[in-house]
Amino acid sequence: MNTNSNRTVQALSKTLSEEYVLMLKTQNFHWNVEGPLFFSLHHLFESQYKSLGEKVDVVAETIRTYGVKSPGSFRDFLKTSLIDEAPADAISSHQMVEILNKDHLSMAARLKEHHELAEKAGDVNAMVIYEDLILFHEKSAWMIRSHRA
């Protein structure tokens, strides 16, 4: 594997870790949301964690196309993810909205950096994946922000 491919795999592996942690956090919030926005947030979080599951699969399978094993343990994911797990304590639906908004926006920013590296390397496959993920995270943040009080 050449240096550019190695950098792409490292970036994709980091992306996989962060997407997986965000998926689990979103699913956790789906299970535990309460309050006046319950119905709306419960369905939004479900839609988003299911979409994240599909994104995770695409990223993991893309890593495999480089001939590298995809990371797949919580230990691996938590070592490299800049996305934190859901808080252990109960939090309000307002806090969930703020946390997920921040996570999606920070993901979009990091994915733009990964996209630039893929573009410099001429890796069209990675560029397309990052473009799709950036759009998803920016739209997800907007949808979540619309629930602010």
C-alpha atoms as a PDB file:
ATOM      1  CA  MET A   1       0.000   0.000   0.000  1.00  0.00           C
ATOM      2  CA  ASN A   2       1.400   3.410  -0.933  1.00  0.00           C
ATOM      3  CA  THR A   3       1.664   6.377   1.446  1.00  0.00           C
ATOM      4  CA  ASN A   4      -1.480   8.054   0.092  1.00  0.00           C
ATOM      5  CA  SER A   5      -3.508   4.861   0.474  1.00  0.00           C
ATOM      6  CA  ASN A   6      -2.191   4.419   4.006  1.00  0.00           C
ATOM      7  CA  ARG A   7      -3.291   7.967   4.928  1.00  0.00           C
ATOM      8  CA  THR A   8      -6.691   7.330   3.360  1.00  0.00           C
ATOM      9  CA  VAL A   9      -7.138   4.130   5.360  1.00  0.00           C
ATOM     10  CA  GLN A  10      -6.118   5.897   8.581  1.00  0.00           C
ATOM     11  CA  ALA A  11      -8.624   8.691   7.917  1.00  0.00           C
ATOM     12  CA  LEU A  12     -11.366   6.219   7.006  1.00  0.00           C
ATOM     13  CA  SER A  13     -10.647   4.178  10.147  1.00  0.00           C
ATOM     14  CA  LYS A  14     -10.929   7.305  12.293  1.00  0.00           C
ATOM     15  CA  THR A  15     -14.149   8.180  10.469  1.00  0.00           C
ATOM     16  CA  LEU A  16     -15.506   4.679  11.096  1.00  0.00           C
ATOM     17  CA  SER A  17     -14.743   4.988  14.816  1.00  0.00           C
ATOM     18  CA  GLU A  18     -16.436   8.342  15.138  1.00  0.00           C
ATOM     19  CA  GLU A  19     -19.476   7.361  13.094  1.00  0.00           C
ATOM     20  CA  TYR A  20     -19.932   4.218  15.195  1.00  0.00           C
ATOM     21  CA  VAL A  21     -19.671   6.056  18.524  1.00  0.00           C
ATOM     22  CA  LEU A  22     -22.100   8.701  17.243  1.00  0.00           C
ATOM     23  CA  MET A  23     -24.487   5.975  16.080  1.00  0.00           C
ATOM     24  CA  LEU A  24     -24.488   4.348  19.524  1.00  0.00           C
ATOM     25  CA  LYS A  25     -24.917   7.709  21.267  1.00  0.00           C
ATOM     26  CA  THR A  26     -27.846   8.574  18.997  1.00  0.00           C
ATOM     27  CA  GLN A  27     -29.435   5.189  19.648  1.00  0.00           C
ATOM     28  CA  ASN A  28     -28.957   5.712  23.385  1.00  0.00           C
ATOM     29  CA  PHE A  29     -30.722   9.081  23.149  1.00  0.00           C
ATOM     30  CA  HIS A  30     -33.509   7.453  21.101  1.00  0.00           C
ATOM     31  CA  TRP A  31     -34.088   4.975  23.914  1.00  0.00           C
ATOM     32  CA  ASN A  32     -33.892   7.519  26.722  1.00  0.00           C
ATOM     33  CA  VAL A  33     -35.429  10.753  25.457  1.00  0.00           C
ATOM     34  CA  GLU A  34     -38.290  12.152  27.557  1.00  0.00           C
ATOM     35  CA  GLY A  35     -40.391  15.272  27.674  1.00  0.00           C
ATOM     36  CA  PRO A  36     -42.661  17.320  25.435  1.00  0.00           C
ATOM     37  CA  LEU A  37     -40.531  16.633  22.337  1.00  0.00           C
ATOM     38  CA  PHE A  38     -40.462  12.890  22.967  1.00  0.00           C
ATOM     39  CA  PHE A  39     -42.357  11.782  19.876  1.00  0.00           C
ATOM     40  CA  SER A  40     -40.503  14.027  17.452  1.00  0.00           C
ATOM     41  CA  LEU A  41     -37.026  13.384  18.871  1.00  0.00           C
ATOM     42  CA  HIS A  42     -37.626   9.676  19.351  1.00  0.00           C
ATOM     43  CA  HIS A  43     -38.387   9.318  15.639  1.00  0.00           C
ATOM     44  CA  LEU A  44     -35.629  11.684  14.516  1.00  0.00           C
ATOM     45  CA  PHE A  45     -32.998   9.883  16.585  1.00  0.00           C
ATOM     46  CA  GLU A  46     -34.199   6.524  15.246  1.00  0.00           C
ATOM     47  CA  SER A  47     -33.957   7.735  11.668  1.00  0.00           C
ATOM     48  CA  GLN A  48     -30.481   9.130  12.279  1.00  0.00           C
ATOM     49  CA  TYR A  49     -29.008   6.109  14.060  1.00  0.00           C
ATOM     50  CA  LYS A  50     -30.311   3.854  11.287  1.00  0.00           C
ATOM     51  CA  SER A  51     -28.739   6.129   8.666  1.00  0.00           C
ATOM     52  CA  LEU A  52     -25.505   6.153  10.641  1.00  0.00           C
ATOM     53  CA  GLY A  53     -25.558   2.344  10.616  1.00  0.00           C
ATOM     54  CA  GLU A  54     -25.665   2.391   6.840  1.00  0.00           C
ATOM     55  CA  LYS A  55     -22.824   4.942   6.716  1.00  0.00           C
ATOM     56  CA  VAL A  56     -20.728   2.832   9.091  1.00  0.00           C
ATOM     57  CA  ASP A  57     -21.134  -0.178   6.821  1.00  0.00           C
ATOM     58  CA  VAL A  58     -20.075   1.759   3.716  1.00  0.00           C
ATOM     59  CA  VAL A  59     -16.977   3.146   5.439  1.00  0.00           C
ATOM     60  CA  ALA A  60     -15.966  -0.265   6.855  1.00  0.00           C
ATOM     61  CA  GLU A  61     -16.389  -1.984   3.502  1.00  0.00           C
ATOM     62  CA  THR A  62     -14.432   0.772   1.773  1.00  0.00           C
ATOM     63  CA  ILE A  63     -11.536   0.209   4.181  1.00  0.00           C
ATOM     64  CA  ARG A  64     -11.611  -3.445   3.131  1.00  0.00           C
ATOM     65  CA  THR A  65     -11.198  -2.435  -0.535  1.00  0.00           C
ATOM     66  CA  TYR A  66      -7.709  -1.209   0.408  1.00  0.00           C
ATOM     67  CA  GLY A  67      -6.848  -4.721   1.598  1.00  0.00           C
ATOM     68  CA  VAL A  68      -6.888  -3.708   5.258  1.00  0.00           C
ATOM     69  CA  LYS A  69      -8.958  -5.135   8.110  1.00  0.00           C
ATOM     70  CA  SER A  70     -11.598  -2.688   9.336  1.00  0.00           C
ATOM     71  CA  PRO A  71     -11.471  -1.820  13.033  1.00  0.00           C
ATOM     72  CA  GLY A  72     -14.433  -3.329  14.821  1.00  0.00           C
ATOM     73  CA  SER A  73     -14.118  -3.205  18.594  1.00  0.00           C
ATOM     74  CA  PHE A  74     -15.385  -0.610  21.032  1.00  0.00           C
ATOM     75  CA  ARG A  75     -11.846  -0.406  22.411  1.00  0.00           C
ATOM     76  CA  ASP A  76     -10.521   0.525  18.946  1.00  0.00           C
ATOM     77  CA  PHE A  77     -13.345   2.968  18.331  1.00  0.00           C
ATOM     78  CA  LEU A  78     -12.969   4.761  21.662  1.00  0.00           C
ATOM     79  CA  LYS A  79      -9.188   5.029  21.254  1.00  0.00           C
ATOM     80  CA  THR A  80      -9.476   7.018  18.037  1.00  0.00           C
ATOM     81  CA  SER A  81     -12.852   8.750  18.241  1.00  0.00           C
ATOM     82  CA  LEU A  82     -13.125  12.420  19.124  1.00  0.00           C
ATOM     83  CA  ILE A  83     -16.855  11.850  19.655  1.00  0.00           C
ATOM     84  CA  ASP A  84     -17.589  11.070  23.306  1.00  0.00           C
ATOM     85  CA  GLU A  85     -19.956   8.341  24.434  1.00  0.00           C
ATOM     86  CA  ALA A  86     -23.355   9.336  25.780  1.00  0.00           C
ATOM     87  CA  PRO A  87     -23.254  10.570  29.376  1.00  0.00           C
ATOM     88  CA  ALA A  88     -23.997   7.859  31.933  1.00  0.00           C
ATOM     89  CA  ASP A  89     -26.329  10.134  33.879  1.00  0.00           C
ATOM     90  CA  ALA A  90     -29.826  11.012  32.711  1.00  0.00           C
ATOM     91  CA  ILE A  91     -29.898  14.192  30.642  1.00  0.00           C
ATOM     92  CA  SER A  92     -32.693  16.344  29.299  1.00  0.00           C
ATOM     93  CA  SER A  93     -33.931  16.308  25.728  1.00  0.00           C
ATOM     94  CA  HIS A  94     -32.519  19.853  25.413  1.00  0.00           C
ATOM     95  CA  GLN A  95     -29.060  18.567  26.388  1.00  0.00           C
ATOM     96  CA  MET A  96     -29.380  15.704  23.889  1.00  0.00           C
ATOM     97  CA  VAL A  97     -30.203  18.190  21.128  1.00  0.00           C
ATOM     98  CA  GLU A  98     -27.200  20.367  22.011  1.00  0.00           C
ATOM     99  CA  ILE A  99     -24.815  17.409  22.264  1.00  0.00           C
ATOM    100  CA  LEU A 100     -25.855  15.864  18.955  1.00  0.00           C
ATOM    101  CA  ASN A 101     -25.845  19.215  17.164  1.00  0.00           C
ATOM    102  CA  LYS A 102     -22.251  19.781  18.327  1.00  0.00           C
ATOM    103  CA  ASP A 103     -21.234  16.231  17.374  1.00  0.00           C
ATOM    104  CA  HIS A 104     -22.668  16.463  13.861  1.00  0.00           C
ATOM    105  CA  LEU A 105     -21.068  19.853  13.229  1.00  0.00           C
ATOM    106  CA  SER A 106     -17.673  18.693  14.494  1.00  0.00           C
ATOM    107  CA  MET A 107     -17.956  15.549  12.360  1.00  0.00           C
ATOM    108  CA  ALA A 108     -18.699  17.641   9.272  1.00  0.00           C
ATOM    109  CA  ALA A 109     -15.647  19.830   9.968  1.00  0.00           C
ATOM    110  CA  ARG A 110     -13.297  16.831  10.361  1.00  0.00           C
ATOM    111  CA  LEU A 111     -14.760  15.133   7.303  1.00  0.00           C
ATOM    112  CA  LYS A 112     -14.002  18.248   5.252  1.00  0.00           C
ATOM    113  CA  GLU A 113     -10.358  17.917   6.317  1.00  0.00           C
ATOM    114  CA  HIS A 114     -10.354  14.238   5.321  1.00  0.00           C
ATOM    115  CA  HIS A 115     -11.954  15.183   1.995  1.00  0.00           C
ATOM    116  CA  GLU A 116      -9.159  17.663   1.289  1.00  0.00           C
ATOM    117  CA  LEU A 117      -6.538  14.978   1.943  1.00  0.00           C
ATOM    118  CA  ALA A 118      -8.370  12.520  -0.310  1.00  0.00           C
ATOM    119  CA  GLU A 119      -8.612  15.170  -3.004  1.00  0.00           C
ATOM    120  CA  LYS A 120      -4.861  15.885  -2.809  1.00  0.00           C
ATOM    121  CA  ALA A 121      -4.215  12.146  -3.071  1.00  0.00           C
ATOM    122  CA  GLY A 122      -6.579  11.849  -6.044  1.00  0.00           C
ATOM    123  CA  ASP A 123      -8.656   9.246  -4.210  1.00  0.00           C
ATOM    124  CA  VAL A 124     -12.051   9.727  -5.831  1.00  0.00           C
ATOM    125  CA  ASN A 125     -13.691   6.877  -3.915  1.00  0.00           C
ATOM    126  CA  ALA A 126     -12.822   8.420  -0.541  1.00  0.00           C
ATOM    127  CA  MET A 127     -13.829  11.882  -1.797  1.00  0.00           C
ATOM    128  CA  VAL A 128     -17.313  10.642  -2.718  1.00  0.00           C
ATOM    129  CA  ILE A 129     -17.749   8.964   0.663  1.00  0.00           C
ATOM    130  CA  TYR A 130     -16.699  12.126   2.491  1.00  0.00           C
ATOM    131  CA  GLU A 131     -19.014  14.302   0.394  1.00  0.00           C
ATOM    132  CA  ASP A 132     -21.947  12.055   1.289  1.00  0.00           C
ATOM    133  CA  LEU A 133     -21.013  12.057   4.977  1.00  0.00           C
ATOM    134  CA  ILE A 134     -20.542  15.833   5.116  1.00  0.00           C
ATOM    135  CA  LEU A 135     -23.978  16.388   3.604  1.00  0.00           C
ATOM    136  CA  PHE A 136     -25.524  13.883   6.027  1.00  0.00           C
ATOM    137  CA  HIS A 137     -23.963  15.479   9.118  1.00  0.00           C
ATOM    138  CA  GLU A 138     -24.782  19.038   8.110  1.00  0.00           C
ATOM    139  CA  LYS A 139     -28.391  18.085   7.414  1.00  0.00           C
ATOM    140  CA  SER A 140     -28.604  16.058  10.645  1.00  0.00           C
ATOM    141  CA  ALA A 141     -27.354  19.018  12.676  1.00  0.00           C
ATOM    142  CA  TRP A 142     -29.966  21.260  11.048  1.00  0.00           C
ATOM    143  CA  MET A 143     -32.760  18.763  11.753  1.00  0.00           C
ATOM    144  CA  ILE A 144     -31.667  18.465  15.382  1.00  0.00           C
ATOM    145  CA  ARG A 145     -31.280  22.236  15.842  1.00  0.00           C
ATOM    146  CA  SER A 146     -34.854  22.707  14.681  1.00  0.00           C
ATOM    147  CA  HIS A 147     -35.890  21.166  18.031  1.00  0.00           C
ATOM    148  CA  ARG A 148     -34.262  23.867  20.127  1.00  0.00           C
ATOM    149  CA  ALA A 149     -36.619  25.569  22.547  1.00  0.00           C
END
